[in-house]
Structures are given as structure tokens and as C-alpha cells.
Amino acid sequence: MHLPRLIPLLVPFAGLIAPAAGHAQTYPSKPIQIVVPAAPGGSPDILVRLLAPSLAAQLGQPITIENRPGGAGNIASQHVARAAPDGYTLLLATDIISINQSLFTKLPFDARTSFAPIVHAISSPQVFAVNPAVPARSVQEFLKLAKAAPGKYSLASPAIGTTGQLGVLLLQSQAAIEVKPVVYRSAQPALTDVLGAHADGIIVTIAPALPFIREGRLRALAVSTARRSAALPDVPTFAEQGLPDFVFDSWQGFVAPAGTSPEIIDRLNRAFNAVLREPEIRRQLQAQAFDPAGGSPDALRKVIGDGIVNWGKVIRAHDIRVE
């Protein structure tokens, strides 16, 4: 639905005239930290670790990664919202930041005003996959099983407020079935339980599930986008299997704290876009079922705003609220 040192001044009092320009010219002068609202191994972590080496080369400074999972992404978001707006603490933002705006009754930040968008990095389908012990090889076969035994089959989702969690609710309402939703702290424990047959299936971003699908330890039944994913070309969409309105994807991008100077945002935006254009980076992203995006900070601002509106409708329709 992203303290630089001062260069010596040759003109007296020039620092008093345009301090922002001086800061922008010396940025970055130390390592940049990217805060990830997920545990290692989840889709956001995979994305940041894939981009970090090329981003470091573009900016001429090391990129450090700090995983701050929990709180439905709010722990990481709050940390970055309160960080100094100097361009040295960034957030890997996901669609959860838009979802949480409607999901939570109170938030210590606002997705629209507490952050300065940098770039929309990728979009990605969700995949509906089951443990191979589940005797279903299509969505329709799973729906038949679920209707025959209401509440028997458990579907995992990575965390509260993820598109995976909301996707399970959408599947129940659109297909008129009753399953047992199980919400985890992140993608990895959710996948672990499905692999161990402690849960029957999962709706999750493709990237963390892809190795297990390729190994045959998970059976992919459908993807959530309007078109099939290049990473799973043999897996049909929900729309192809009788659920034409079950269409959505996930997005990820980068933001900085509100108040970060436009010059620094522009520097970061140019660096991220350069990385996203690299052929090898694009190949690796697509291998993970990430669709590279890029573009202006305003493009990400629109994605965040659209997510607030669209997922807000789903949340209100199902009367989901978190205190």
C-alpha cells in the first residue's frame, strides 16, 4: 500500500547564511543505520541485506542493520520517528506502517507526518502455501476441505497487522470458510510451525517461503497478485482459481525521520535509485520475487497514503482494533 562534520568555511559567516547546504555537502560522513521491523530471515531483512553492499558503495559509508522486531512493526517505527533527522537512522518501512494507522487505536507516531519518504523499493506478491501433508493441490481443493471441517485447518501469518494476517481474514470472508488463524511475531517462527505441521498453511511474502517451496517442504497453492509471479510461474493466482477479488501485494521502502533536510533525502533517493537500477541487483531482487520499484519520495508518499485508505476499509469491515 525512507552529525555530519562541517567543512572549513572560506567565506566569513557563510555558515550562518546556509548551514543546511553545508550539511548536505558533507553527507554522509559516518555509517548509516537501517532499522528493520522484522527478525533476521524475514522479507524486510532479506531486502535490506541484499541492497546494503551496493548502497554502501554508492554513499561511500558502511551500512549497519539493526533488527527491531515486535509490536507489529511499531517498535522499529517509533525508534526511527524519534531519531535525529540527520540522515543516519533510516527505517525499512513496509505496508504495515500504513495498516497500523487504522489497526491501532493509539500510535506514538503518524505514518503520514512522522517520516520523510525516501524511495519505494519493491513490491511483492503474497503466497498461500500449505504443509505437504494437507491433501490440497489447489485453492479450490483447500476450500472444499475447509468447508467440510470448519475450524479444523490452521493458517499462520507473520505478525499482527501484516498483509498475511489480513489476507487470512479476507480468504475466510470471500470464500465463506472458517479456519483457525494463528498470528506469530515474525515470518520465521510462522514458517517453522507450518514446516513442522503445527499449522497447516500460511499467507506470507514469497521471499522467506521461496526456499522451502523449491525444496518441496511447502506446497504453494496461489499468489495474491493479479498476475503470476516470475519467481513461481507455475503457481496460479487466486483470481485464476475462482476468487477474482482476492488481489493485493506488499510493498517495502525507505523513510527517514520527519525534518530530515530535502538535500539529504535527495542524496539518499539518488543512491537508492542507482542501486535499484543495477542489473545484478534487479536479478537478485526478482529471484526473491521482489519487483523493483524506485522513483521519487512523492511516489512512496502516495503508496503510504493509498495503503492507509485501502487497508483501513478492510480493517473496519472486520472490526479489527488493537489497543
C-alpha atoms as a PDB file:
ATOM      1  CA  MET A   1       0.000   0.000   0.000  1.00  0.00           C
ATOM      2  CA  HIS A   2      12.779   6.003   3.961  1.00  0.00           C
ATOM      3  CA  LEU A   3      26.257  14.863  12.972  1.00  0.00           C
ATOM      4  CA  PRO A   4      27.916  15.426   9.679  1.00  0.00           C
ATOM      5  CA  ARG A   5      31.150  17.272  10.189  1.00  0.00           C
ATOM      6  CA  LEU A   6      31.348  20.858   8.974  1.00  0.00           C
ATOM      7  CA  ILE A   7      33.784  21.655   6.184  1.00  0.00           C
ATOM      8  CA  PRO A   8      36.077  24.642   6.742  1.00  0.00           C
ATOM      9  CA  LEU A   9      34.447  27.864   5.636  1.00  0.00           C
ATOM     10  CA  LEU A  10      36.368  30.140   3.302  1.00  0.00           C
ATOM     11  CA  VAL A  11      33.865  32.978   3.401  1.00  0.00           C
ATOM     12  CA  PRO A  12      33.277  34.626   6.794  1.00  0.00           C
ATOM     13  CA  PHE A  13      29.843  33.958   8.254  1.00  0.00           C
ATOM     14  CA  ALA A  14      28.917  31.704   5.294  1.00  0.00           C
ATOM     15  CA  GLY A  15      27.844  29.011   7.773  1.00  0.00           C
ATOM     16  CA  LEU A  16      25.253  31.419   9.150  1.00  0.00           C
ATOM     17  CA  ILE A  17      23.787  32.029   5.709  1.00  0.00           C
ATOM     18  CA  ALA A  18      23.238  28.438   4.514  1.00  0.00           C
ATOM     19  CA  PRO A  19      24.007  25.804   7.161  1.00  0.00           C
ATOM     20  CA  ALA A  20      21.739  23.221   5.514  1.00  0.00           C
ATOM     21  CA  ALA A  21      23.722  23.338   2.302  1.00  0.00           C
ATOM     22  CA  GLY A  22      26.953  22.758   4.225  1.00  0.00           C
ATOM     23  CA  HIS A  23      25.483  19.729   5.963  1.00  0.00           C
ATOM     24  CA  ALA A  24      24.184  18.292   2.712  1.00  0.00           C
ATOM     25  CA  GLN A  25      27.570  18.688   1.021  1.00  0.00           C
ATOM     26  CA  THR A  26      29.317  16.640   3.718  1.00  0.00           C
ATOM     27  CA  TYR A  27      26.652  13.963   3.999  1.00  0.00           C
ATOM     28  CA  PRO A  28      27.283  11.171   4.666  1.00  0.00           C
ATOM     29  CA  SER A  29      30.398  11.309   6.810  1.00  0.00           C
ATOM     30  CA  LYS A  30      29.798   8.251   9.017  1.00  0.00           C
ATOM     31  CA  PRO A  31      27.983   4.881   8.887  1.00  0.00           C
ATOM     32  CA  ILE A  32      24.249   4.873   8.202  1.00  0.00           C
ATOM     33  CA  GLN A  33      21.975   2.620  10.222  1.00  0.00           C
ATOM     34  CA  ILE A  34      18.903   0.983   8.708  1.00  0.00           C
ATOM     35  CA  VAL A  35      16.365  -0.241  11.247  1.00  0.00           C
ATOM     36  CA  VAL A  36      14.397  -3.310  10.159  1.00  0.00           C
ATOM     37  CA  PRO A  37      10.995  -4.029  11.773  1.00  0.00           C
ATOM     38  CA  ALA A  38      11.436  -7.797  11.469  1.00  0.00           C
ATOM     39  CA  ALA A  39      13.639 -10.603  12.697  1.00  0.00           C
ATOM     40  CA  PRO A  40      16.538 -11.923  10.604  1.00  0.00           C
ATOM     41  CA  GLY A  41      15.285 -14.133   7.784  1.00  0.00           C
ATOM     42  CA  GLY A  42      12.050 -12.244   7.178  1.00  0.00           C
ATOM     43  CA  SER A  43      11.282 -10.493   3.920  1.00  0.00           C
ATOM     44  CA  PRO A  44      12.345  -6.981   5.100  1.00  0.00           C
ATOM     45  CA  ASP A  45      15.636  -8.347   6.433  1.00  0.00           C
ATOM     46  CA  ILE A  46      16.296 -10.172   3.147  1.00  0.00           C
ATOM     47  CA  LEU A  47      15.729  -6.975   1.170  1.00  0.00           C
ATOM     48  CA  VAL A  48      17.975  -4.748   3.285  1.00  0.00           C
ATOM     49  CA  ARG A  49      20.846  -7.239   3.324  1.00  0.00           C
ATOM     50  CA  LEU A  50      20.604  -7.607  -0.435  1.00  0.00           C
ATOM     51  CA  LEU A  51      20.773  -3.846  -1.052  1.00  0.00           C
ATOM     52  CA  ALA A  52      23.223  -2.840   1.690  1.00  0.00           C
ATOM     53  CA  PRO A  53      26.576  -3.581  -0.037  1.00  0.00           C
ATOM     54  CA  SER A  54      25.692  -1.627  -3.188  1.00  0.00           C
ATOM     55  CA  LEU A  55      24.149   1.193  -1.145  1.00  0.00           C
ATOM     56  CA  ALA A  56      27.335   1.462   0.907  1.00  0.00           C
ATOM     57  CA  ALA A  57      29.332   1.738  -2.308  1.00  0.00           C
ATOM     58  CA  GLN A  58      27.004   4.470  -3.616  1.00  0.00           C
ATOM     59  CA  LEU A  59      27.205   6.526  -0.426  1.00  0.00           C
ATOM     60  CA  GLY A  60      30.826   5.838   0.467  1.00  0.00           C
ATOM     61  CA  GLN A  61      29.934   4.808   4.016  1.00  0.00           C
ATOM     62  CA  PRO A  62      29.173   1.489   5.736  1.00  0.00           C
ATOM     63  CA  ILE A  63      25.547   0.461   6.192  1.00  0.00           C
ATOM     64  CA  THR A  64      24.685  -1.112   9.538  1.00  0.00           C
ATOM     65  CA  ILE A  65      21.486  -3.102  10.038  1.00  0.00           C
ATOM     66  CA  GLU A  66      19.555  -3.248  13.290  1.00  0.00           C
ATOM     67  CA  ASN A  67      16.679  -5.711  13.585  1.00  0.00           C
ATOM     68  CA  ARG A  68      13.928  -4.434  15.903  1.00  0.00           C
ATOM     69  CA  PRO A  69      11.054  -6.904  15.537  1.00  0.00           C
ATOM     70  CA  GLY A  70       7.903  -6.901  17.633  1.00  0.00           C
ATOM     71  CA  GLY A  71       4.994  -4.625  18.335  1.00  0.00           C
ATOM     72  CA  ALA A  72       3.603  -5.176  14.830  1.00  0.00           C
ATOM     73  CA  GLY A  73       6.446  -3.072  13.471  1.00  0.00           C
ATOM     74  CA  ASN A  74       5.732  -0.190  15.847  1.00  0.00           C
ATOM     75  CA  ILE A  75       8.876  -0.678  17.934  1.00  0.00           C
ATOM     76  CA  ALA A  76      11.115  -0.006  14.941  1.00  0.00           C
ATOM     77  CA  SER A  77       8.890   2.764  13.585  1.00  0.00           C
ATOM     78  CA  GLN A  78       8.777   4.616  16.896  1.00  0.00           C
ATOM     79  CA  HIS A  79      12.549   4.332  17.277  1.00  0.00           C
ATOM     80  CA  VAL A  80      13.172   5.941  13.891  1.00  0.00           C
ATOM     81  CA  ALA A  81      10.424   8.555  14.306  1.00  0.00           C
ATOM     82  CA  ARG A  82      12.226   9.754  17.444  1.00  0.00           C
ATOM     83  CA  ALA A  83      15.736   9.606  15.951  1.00  0.00           C
ATOM     84  CA  ALA A  84      17.694  12.697  14.984  1.00  0.00           C
ATOM     85  CA  PRO A  85      16.662  13.875  11.486  1.00  0.00           C
ATOM     86  CA  ASP A  86      20.234  13.820  10.235  1.00  0.00           C
ATOM     87  CA  GLY A  87      20.064  11.020   7.660  1.00  0.00           C
ATOM     88  CA  TYR A  88      21.978   8.496   9.761  1.00  0.00           C
ATOM     89  CA  THR A  89      18.995   6.491  11.031  1.00  0.00           C
ATOM     90  CA  LEU A  90      16.597   5.143   8.399  1.00  0.00           C
ATOM     91  CA  LEU A  91      13.623   2.786   8.551  1.00  0.00           C
ATOM     92  CA  LEU A  92      12.859  -0.033   6.191  1.00  0.00           C
ATOM     93  CA  ALA A  93       9.129   0.700   6.022  1.00  0.00           C
ATOM     94  CA  THR A  94       6.591  -1.878   4.869  1.00  0.00           C
ATOM     95  CA  ASP A  95       2.874  -1.840   4.186  1.00  0.00           C
ATOM     96  CA  ILE A  96       2.449  -2.468   7.922  1.00  0.00           C
ATOM     97  CA  ILE A  97       3.149   1.209   8.537  1.00  0.00           C
ATOM     98  CA  SER A  98       0.001   2.043   6.543  1.00  0.00           C
ATOM     99  CA  ILE A  99      -2.034  -0.803   8.038  1.00  0.00           C
ATOM    100  CA  ASN A 100      -1.180   0.152  11.622  1.00  0.00           C
ATOM    101  CA  GLN A 101      -2.574   3.639  11.106  1.00  0.00           C
ATOM    102  CA  SER A 102      -6.066   2.102  11.143  1.00  0.00           C
ATOM    103  CA  LEU A 103      -5.338  -1.036  13.180  1.00  0.00           C
ATOM    104  CA  PHE A 104      -4.149   0.631  16.387  1.00  0.00           C
ATOM    105  CA  THR A 105      -6.306   2.955  18.457  1.00  0.00           C
ATOM    106  CA  LYS A 106      -3.236   4.933  19.554  1.00  0.00           C
ATOM    107  CA  LEU A 107       0.187   5.264  17.972  1.00  0.00           C
ATOM    108  CA  PRO A 108       3.179   7.335  19.136  1.00  0.00           C
ATOM    109  CA  PHE A 109       3.789   8.380  15.523  1.00  0.00           C
ATOM    110  CA  ASP A 110       1.847   9.043  12.330  1.00  0.00           C
ATOM    111  CA  ALA A 111       2.725   7.265   9.104  1.00  0.00           C
ATOM    112  CA  ARG A 112       1.983  10.430   7.106  1.00  0.00           C
ATOM    113  CA  THR A 113       3.704  13.089   9.228  1.00  0.00           C
ATOM    114  CA  SER A 114       6.386  11.405  11.360  1.00  0.00           C
ATOM    115  CA  PHE A 115       8.563  10.283   8.451  1.00  0.00           C
ATOM    116  CA  ALA A 116      10.217  11.718   5.353  1.00  0.00           C
ATOM    117  CA  PRO A 117       9.732   9.252   2.452  1.00  0.00           C
ATOM    118  CA  ILE A 118      12.876   8.367   0.521  1.00  0.00           C
ATOM    119  CA  VAL A 119      12.046   5.682  -2.032  1.00  0.00           C
ATOM    120  CA  HIS A 120       9.593   2.894  -2.822  1.00  0.00           C
ATOM    121  CA  ALA A 121      11.982  -0.047  -3.129  1.00  0.00           C
ATOM    122  CA  ILE A 122       9.928  -3.100  -4.099  1.00  0.00           C
ATOM    123  CA  SER A 123       6.515  -4.655  -4.382  1.00  0.00           C
ATOM    124  CA  SER A 124       5.929  -8.348  -3.788  1.00  0.00           C
ATOM    125  CA  PRO A 125       3.105 -10.868  -4.037  1.00  0.00           C
ATOM    126  CA  GLN A 126       1.954 -12.916  -1.085  1.00  0.00           C
ATOM    127  CA  VAL A 127       1.914 -16.691  -1.445  1.00  0.00           C
ATOM    128  CA  PHE A 128      -0.604 -19.108   0.043  1.00  0.00           C
ATOM    129  CA  ALA A 129       1.301 -22.283   0.872  1.00  0.00           C
ATOM    130  CA  VAL A 130       0.466 -25.409   2.862  1.00  0.00           C
ATOM    131  CA  ASN A 131       2.333 -28.230   4.522  1.00  0.00           C
ATOM    132  CA  PRO A 132       2.568 -31.116   2.017  1.00  0.00           C
ATOM    133  CA  ALA A 133       0.549 -33.276   4.436  1.00  0.00           C
ATOM    134  CA  VAL A 134      -2.519 -31.152   3.658  1.00  0.00           C
ATOM    135  CA  PRO A 135      -4.330 -33.026   0.851  1.00  0.00           C
ATOM    136  CA  ALA A 136      -4.910 -29.974  -1.333  1.00  0.00           C
ATOM    137  CA  ARG A 137      -3.152 -29.045  -4.564  1.00  0.00           C
ATOM    138  CA  SER A 138      -5.247 -26.007  -5.430  1.00  0.00           C
ATOM    139  CA  VAL A 139      -7.161 -23.259  -3.686  1.00  0.00           C
ATOM    140  CA  GLN A 140     -10.469 -24.884  -4.586  1.00  0.00           C
ATOM    141  CA  GLU A 141      -9.357 -28.197  -3.080  1.00  0.00           C
ATOM    142  CA  PHE A 142      -8.340 -26.405   0.120  1.00  0.00           C
ATOM    143  CA  LEU A 143     -11.664 -24.560   0.272  1.00  0.00           C
ATOM    144  CA  LYS A 144     -13.506 -27.870  -0.110  1.00  0.00           C
ATOM    145  CA  LEU A 145     -11.552 -29.325   2.818  1.00  0.00           C
ATOM    146  CA  ALA A 146     -12.135 -26.235   4.958  1.00  0.00           C
ATOM    147  CA  LYS A 147     -15.879 -26.222   4.271  1.00  0.00           C
ATOM    148  CA  ALA A 148     -16.127 -29.900   5.160  1.00  0.00           C
ATOM    149  CA  ALA A 149     -14.404 -29.337   8.513  1.00  0.00           C
ATOM    150  CA  PRO A 150     -14.959 -25.758   9.786  1.00  0.00           C
ATOM    151  CA  GLY A 151     -12.205 -24.601  12.144  1.00  0.00           C
ATOM    152  CA  LYS A 152     -10.020 -27.664  11.572  1.00  0.00           C
ATOM    153  CA  TYR A 153      -7.339 -26.075   9.411  1.00  0.00           C
ATOM    154  CA  SER A 154      -4.993 -23.501  10.915  1.00  0.00           C
ATOM    155  CA  LEU A 155      -3.462 -20.734   8.801  1.00  0.00           C
ATOM    156  CA  ALA A 156      -0.404 -18.897  10.069  1.00  0.00           C
ATOM    157  CA  SER A 157       0.512 -15.281   9.423  1.00  0.00           C
ATOM    158  CA  PRO A 158       3.778 -13.487  10.211  1.00  0.00           C
ATOM    159  CA  ALA A 159       2.534 -10.837  12.661  1.00  0.00           C
ATOM    160  CA  ILE A 160      -0.368  -8.669  13.727  1.00  0.00           C
ATOM    161  CA  GLY A 161      -1.393  -6.243  11.009  1.00  0.00           C
ATOM    162  CA  THR A 162       0.565  -7.839   8.177  1.00  0.00           C
ATOM    163  CA  THR A 163      -0.991  -8.391   4.791  1.00  0.00           C
ATOM    164  CA  GLY A 164      -0.636 -12.082   5.646  1.00  0.00           C
ATOM    165  CA  GLN A 165      -2.908 -11.722   8.673  1.00  0.00           C
ATOM    166  CA  LEU A 166      -5.427  -9.568   6.824  1.00  0.00           C
ATOM    167  CA  GLY A 167      -5.190 -11.973   3.885  1.00  0.00           C
ATOM    168  CA  VAL A 168      -6.357 -14.858   6.075  1.00  0.00           C
ATOM    169  CA  LEU A 169      -9.382 -12.797   7.133  1.00  0.00           C
ATOM    170  CA  LEU A 170     -10.103 -11.870   3.519  1.00  0.00           C
ATOM    171  CA  LEU A 171      -9.883 -15.519   2.481  1.00  0.00           C
ATOM    172  CA  GLN A 172     -12.386 -16.514   5.152  1.00  0.00           C
ATOM    173  CA  SER A 173     -14.869 -13.805   4.162  1.00  0.00           C
ATOM    174  CA  GLN A 174     -14.544 -14.085   0.386  1.00  0.00           C
ATOM    175  CA  ALA A 175     -14.550 -17.896   0.303  1.00  0.00           C
ATOM    176  CA  ALA A 176     -17.104 -18.307   3.128  1.00  0.00           C
ATOM    177  CA  ILE A 177     -14.900 -20.697   5.104  1.00  0.00           C
ATOM    178  CA  GLU A 178     -13.860 -20.954   8.745  1.00  0.00           C
ATOM    179  CA  VAL A 179     -10.209 -21.586   9.537  1.00  0.00           C
ATOM    180  CA  LYS A 180      -8.135 -21.156  12.667  1.00  0.00           C
ATOM    181  CA  PRO A 181      -5.932 -18.023  12.288  1.00  0.00           C
ATOM    182  CA  VAL A 182      -2.613 -18.187  14.155  1.00  0.00           C
ATOM    183  CA  VAL A 183      -0.583 -14.966  14.373  1.00  0.00           C
ATOM    184  CA  TYR A 184       3.167 -15.083  15.097  1.00  0.00           C
ATOM    185  CA  ARG A 185       5.813 -12.483  15.918  1.00  0.00           C
ATOM    186  CA  SER A 186       7.503 -12.732  12.517  1.00  0.00           C
ATOM    187  CA  ALA A 187       7.707 -14.826   9.354  1.00  0.00           C
ATOM    188  CA  GLN A 188      10.349 -17.283  10.534  1.00  0.00           C
ATOM    189  CA  PRO A 189       8.503 -18.832  13.512  1.00  0.00           C
ATOM    190  CA  ALA A 190       5.313 -18.910  11.436  1.00  0.00           C
ATOM    191  CA  LEU A 191       7.077 -20.787   8.650  1.00  0.00           C
ATOM    192  CA  THR A 192       8.780 -23.092  11.153  1.00  0.00           C
ATOM    193  CA  ASP A 193       5.409 -24.167  12.550  1.00  0.00           C
ATOM    194  CA  VAL A 194       3.978 -24.806   9.090  1.00  0.00           C
ATOM    195  CA  LEU A 195       7.063 -26.815   8.132  1.00  0.00           C
ATOM    196  CA  GLY A 196       6.653 -28.835  11.332  1.00  0.00           C
ATOM    197  CA  ALA A 197       2.913 -29.376  10.680  1.00  0.00           C
ATOM    198  CA  HIS A 198       1.963 -27.432  13.814  1.00  0.00           C
ATOM    199  CA  ALA A 199      -0.013 -25.165  11.451  1.00  0.00           C
ATOM    200  CA  ASP A 200      -1.471 -26.247   8.146  1.00  0.00           C
ATOM    201  CA  GLY A 201      -0.724 -23.284   5.906  1.00  0.00           C
ATOM    202  CA  ILE A 202       0.422 -19.703   5.673  1.00  0.00           C
ATOM    203  CA  ILE A 203      -0.108 -16.494   3.726  1.00  0.00           C
ATOM    204  CA  VAL A 204       3.243 -14.708   3.588  1.00  0.00           C
ATOM    205  CA  THR A 205       5.511 -12.683   1.333  1.00  0.00           C
ATOM    206  CA  ILE A 206       7.145 -15.042  -1.160  1.00  0.00           C
ATOM    207  CA  ALA A 207      10.798 -14.319  -0.279  1.00  0.00           C
ATOM    208  CA  PRO A 208      11.114 -16.145   3.078  1.00  0.00           C
ATOM    209  CA  ALA A 209       8.946 -19.052   1.876  1.00  0.00           C
ATOM    210  CA  LEU A 210      10.620 -19.496  -1.505  1.00  0.00           C
ATOM    211  CA  PRO A 211      13.494 -21.815  -0.446  1.00  0.00           C
ATOM    212  CA  PHE A 212      11.041 -24.199   1.258  1.00  0.00           C
ATOM    213  CA  ILE A 213       8.717 -24.173  -1.749  1.00  0.00           C
ATOM    214  CA  ARG A 214      11.620 -25.012  -4.054  1.00  0.00           C
ATOM    215  CA  GLU A 215      12.717 -27.825  -1.713  1.00  0.00           C
ATOM    216  CA  GLY A 216       9.209 -29.281  -1.676  1.00  0.00           C
ATOM    217  CA  ARG A 217       8.768 -28.688   2.048  1.00  0.00           C
ATOM    218  CA  LEU A 218       5.884 -26.303   1.331  1.00  0.00           C
ATOM    219  CA  ARG A 219       3.293 -26.604  -1.419  1.00  0.00           C
ATOM    220  CA  ALA A 220       2.365 -23.253  -2.992  1.00  0.00           C
ATOM    221  CA  LEU A 221      -1.322 -23.059  -3.939  1.00  0.00           C
ATOM    222  CA  ALA A 222      -1.699 -19.448  -5.091  1.00  0.00           C
ATOM    223  CA  VAL A 223      -0.195 -15.973  -5.293  1.00  0.00           C
ATOM    224  CA  SER A 224      -2.116 -12.853  -4.318  1.00  0.00           C
ATOM    225  CA  THR A 225      -1.378 -10.548  -7.240  1.00  0.00           C
ATOM    226  CA  ALA A 226      -3.325 -10.021 -10.461  1.00  0.00           C
ATOM    227  CA  ARG A 227      -0.577 -11.770 -12.456  1.00  0.00           C
ATOM    228  CA  ARG A 228       1.573 -14.791 -11.676  1.00  0.00           C
ATOM    229  CA  SER A 229       4.947 -14.219 -10.075  1.00  0.00           C
ATOM    230  CA  ALA A 230       8.082 -14.716 -12.153  1.00  0.00           C
ATOM    231  CA  ALA A 231       9.587 -16.490  -9.142  1.00  0.00           C
ATOM    232  CA  LEU A 232       6.725 -19.032  -9.119  1.00  0.00           C
ATOM    233  CA  PRO A 233       5.485 -19.096 -12.720  1.00  0.00           C
ATOM    234  CA  ASP A 234       3.639 -22.409 -12.290  1.00  0.00           C
ATOM    235  CA  VAL A 235       1.624 -21.195  -9.299  1.00  0.00           C
ATOM    236  CA  PRO A 236      -1.732 -19.674 -10.330  1.00  0.00           C
ATOM    237  CA  THR A 237      -3.297 -16.579  -8.820  1.00  0.00           C
ATOM    238  CA  PHE A 238      -6.327 -16.639  -6.526  1.00  0.00           C
ATOM    239  CA  ALA A 239      -8.246 -14.925  -9.333  1.00  0.00           C
ATOM    240  CA  GLU A 240      -7.493 -17.833 -11.685  1.00  0.00           C
ATOM    241  CA  GLN A 241      -8.974 -20.167  -9.073  1.00  0.00           C
ATOM    242  CA  GLY A 242     -12.355 -18.584  -8.567  1.00  0.00           C
ATOM    243  CA  LEU A 243     -11.599 -15.669  -6.207  1.00  0.00           C
ATOM    244  CA  PRO A 244     -11.381 -12.666  -8.576  1.00  0.00           C
ATOM    245  CA  ASP A 245     -11.403 -10.044  -5.798  1.00  0.00           C
ATOM    246  CA  PHE A 246      -8.588 -11.619  -3.796  1.00  0.00           C
ATOM    247  CA  VAL A 247      -5.863  -9.386  -5.240  1.00  0.00           C
ATOM    248  CA  PHE A 248      -3.209  -7.454  -3.314  1.00  0.00           C
ATOM    249  CA  ASP A 249       0.535  -7.181  -2.899  1.00  0.00           C
ATOM    250  CA  SER A 250       3.025  -5.983  -0.327  1.00  0.00           C
ATOM    251  CA  TRP A 251       5.475  -3.105  -0.591  1.00  0.00           C
ATOM    252  CA  GLN A 252       8.676  -2.047   1.095  1.00  0.00           C
ATOM    253  CA  GLY A 253      10.508   1.255   1.019  1.00  0.00           C
ATOM    254  CA  PHE A 254      12.789   3.510   2.997  1.00  0.00           C
ATOM    255  CA  VAL A 255      11.965   6.535   5.137  1.00  0.00           C
ATOM    256  CA  ALA A 256      13.856   8.915   7.421  1.00  0.00           C
ATOM    257  CA  PRO A 257      12.616  10.859  10.452  1.00  0.00           C
ATOM    258  CA  ALA A 258      10.443  13.870   9.634  1.00  0.00           C
ATOM    259  CA  GLY A 259      12.509  17.023   9.439  1.00  0.00           C
ATOM    260  CA  THR A 260      15.388  15.439   7.539  1.00  0.00           C
ATOM    261  CA  SER A 261      16.626  18.059   5.068  1.00  0.00           C
ATOM    262  CA  PRO A 262      15.445  17.822   1.447  1.00  0.00           C
ATOM    263  CA  GLU A 263      19.084  17.780   0.345  1.00  0.00           C
ATOM    264  CA  ILE A 264      19.801  14.645   2.381  1.00  0.00           C
ATOM    265  CA  ILE A 265      16.579  12.976   1.213  1.00  0.00           C
ATOM    266  CA  ASP A 266      17.579  13.749  -2.384  1.00  0.00           C
ATOM    267  CA  ARG A 267      21.058  12.286  -1.829  1.00  0.00           C
ATOM    268  CA  LEU A 268      19.577   9.094  -0.400  1.00  0.00           C
ATOM    269  CA  ASN A 269      16.923   8.874  -3.096  1.00  0.00           C
ATOM    270  CA  ARG A 270      19.526   9.118  -5.865  1.00  0.00           C
ATOM    271  CA  ALA A 271      21.657   6.457  -4.180  1.00  0.00           C
ATOM    272  CA  PHE A 272      18.766   4.012  -3.704  1.00  0.00           C
ATOM    273  CA  ASN A 273      17.542   4.516  -7.267  1.00  0.00           C
ATOM    274  CA  ALA A 274      21.031   3.878  -8.611  1.00  0.00           C
ATOM    275  CA  VAL A 275      21.199   0.626  -6.641  1.00  0.00           C
ATOM    276  CA  LEU A 276      17.734  -0.461  -7.808  1.00  0.00           C
ATOM    277  CA  ARG A 277      18.816   0.081 -11.427  1.00  0.00           C
ATOM    278  CA  GLU A 278      21.867  -2.192 -11.169  1.00  0.00           C
ATOM    279  CA  PRO A 279      21.269  -5.269 -13.387  1.00  0.00           C
ATOM    280  CA  GLU A 280      22.660  -7.724 -10.841  1.00  0.00           C
ATOM    281  CA  ILE A 281      20.614  -6.205  -8.023  1.00  0.00           C
ATOM    282  CA  ARG A 282      17.472  -6.406 -10.158  1.00  0.00           C
ATOM    283  CA  ARG A 283      18.249 -10.036 -10.980  1.00  0.00           C
ATOM    284  CA  GLN A 284      18.685 -10.878  -7.295  1.00  0.00           C
ATOM    285  CA  LEU A 285      15.533  -8.994  -6.318  1.00  0.00           C
ATOM    286  CA  GLN A 286      13.471 -10.783  -8.942  1.00  0.00           C
ATOM    287  CA  ALA A 287      14.914 -14.127  -7.834  1.00  0.00           C
ATOM    288  CA  GLN A 288      13.411 -13.356  -4.415  1.00  0.00           C
ATOM    289  CA  ALA A 289      10.047 -12.483  -6.043  1.00  0.00           C
ATOM    290  CA  PHE A 290      10.619  -8.786  -5.371  1.00  0.00           C
ATOM    291  CA  ASP A 291       9.519  -6.423  -8.144  1.00  0.00           C
ATOM    292  CA  PRO A 292      11.958  -3.472  -8.151  1.00  0.00           C
ATOM    293  CA  ALA A 293      10.249  -0.087  -7.946  1.00  0.00           C
ATOM    294  CA  GLY A 294      12.223   3.123  -7.331  1.00  0.00           C
ATOM    295  CA  GLY A 295      11.082   6.636  -8.137  1.00  0.00           C
ATOM    296  CA  SER A 296      10.616   9.845  -6.200  1.00  0.00           C
ATOM    297  CA  PRO A 297       9.906  10.392  -2.495  1.00  0.00           C
ATOM    298  CA  ASP A 298       6.433  11.590  -3.510  1.00  0.00           C
ATOM    299  CA  ALA A 299       5.764   8.218  -5.159  1.00  0.00           C
ATOM    300  CA  LEU A 300       6.370   6.498  -1.822  1.00  0.00           C
ATOM    301  CA  ARG A 301       4.261   9.096  -0.030  1.00  0.00           C
ATOM    302  CA  LYS A 302       1.351   8.135  -2.314  1.00  0.00           C
ATOM    303  CA  VAL A 303       1.905   4.417  -1.692  1.00  0.00           C
ATOM    304  CA  ILE A 304       1.773   5.015   2.075  1.00  0.00           C
ATOM    305  CA  GLY A 305      -1.386   7.119   1.771  1.00  0.00           C
ATOM    306  CA  ASP A 306      -3.144   4.666  -0.549  1.00  0.00           C
ATOM    307  CA  GLY A 307      -2.348   1.829   1.856  1.00  0.00           C
ATOM    308  CA  ILE A 308      -3.888   3.721   4.763  1.00  0.00           C
ATOM    309  CA  VAL A 309      -7.111   4.190   2.781  1.00  0.00           C
ATOM    310  CA  ASN A 310      -7.388   0.706   1.240  1.00  0.00           C
ATOM    311  CA  TRP A 311      -6.379  -1.439   4.222  1.00  0.00           C
ATOM    312  CA  GLY A 312      -8.365   0.839   6.510  1.00  0.00           C
ATOM    313  CA  LYS A 313     -11.509  -0.301   4.701  1.00  0.00           C
ATOM    314  CA  VAL A 314     -10.641  -3.965   5.336  1.00  0.00           C
ATOM    315  CA  ILE A 315      -9.821  -3.356   8.991  1.00  0.00           C
ATOM    316  CA  ARG A 316     -13.070  -1.509   9.608  1.00  0.00           C
ATOM    317  CA  ALA A 317     -15.093  -4.124   7.720  1.00  0.00           C
ATOM    318  CA  HIS A 318     -13.756  -6.833  10.029  1.00  0.00           C
ATOM    319  CA  ASP A 319     -13.851  -4.586  13.109  1.00  0.00           C
ATOM    320  CA  ILE A 320     -10.193  -5.241  13.959  1.00  0.00           C
ATOM    321  CA  ARG A 321      -8.703  -2.933  16.561  1.00  0.00           C
ATOM    322  CA  VAL A 322      -5.584  -3.219  18.695  1.00  0.00           C
ATOM    323  CA  GLU A 323      -5.225  -1.143  21.843  1.00  0.00           C
END
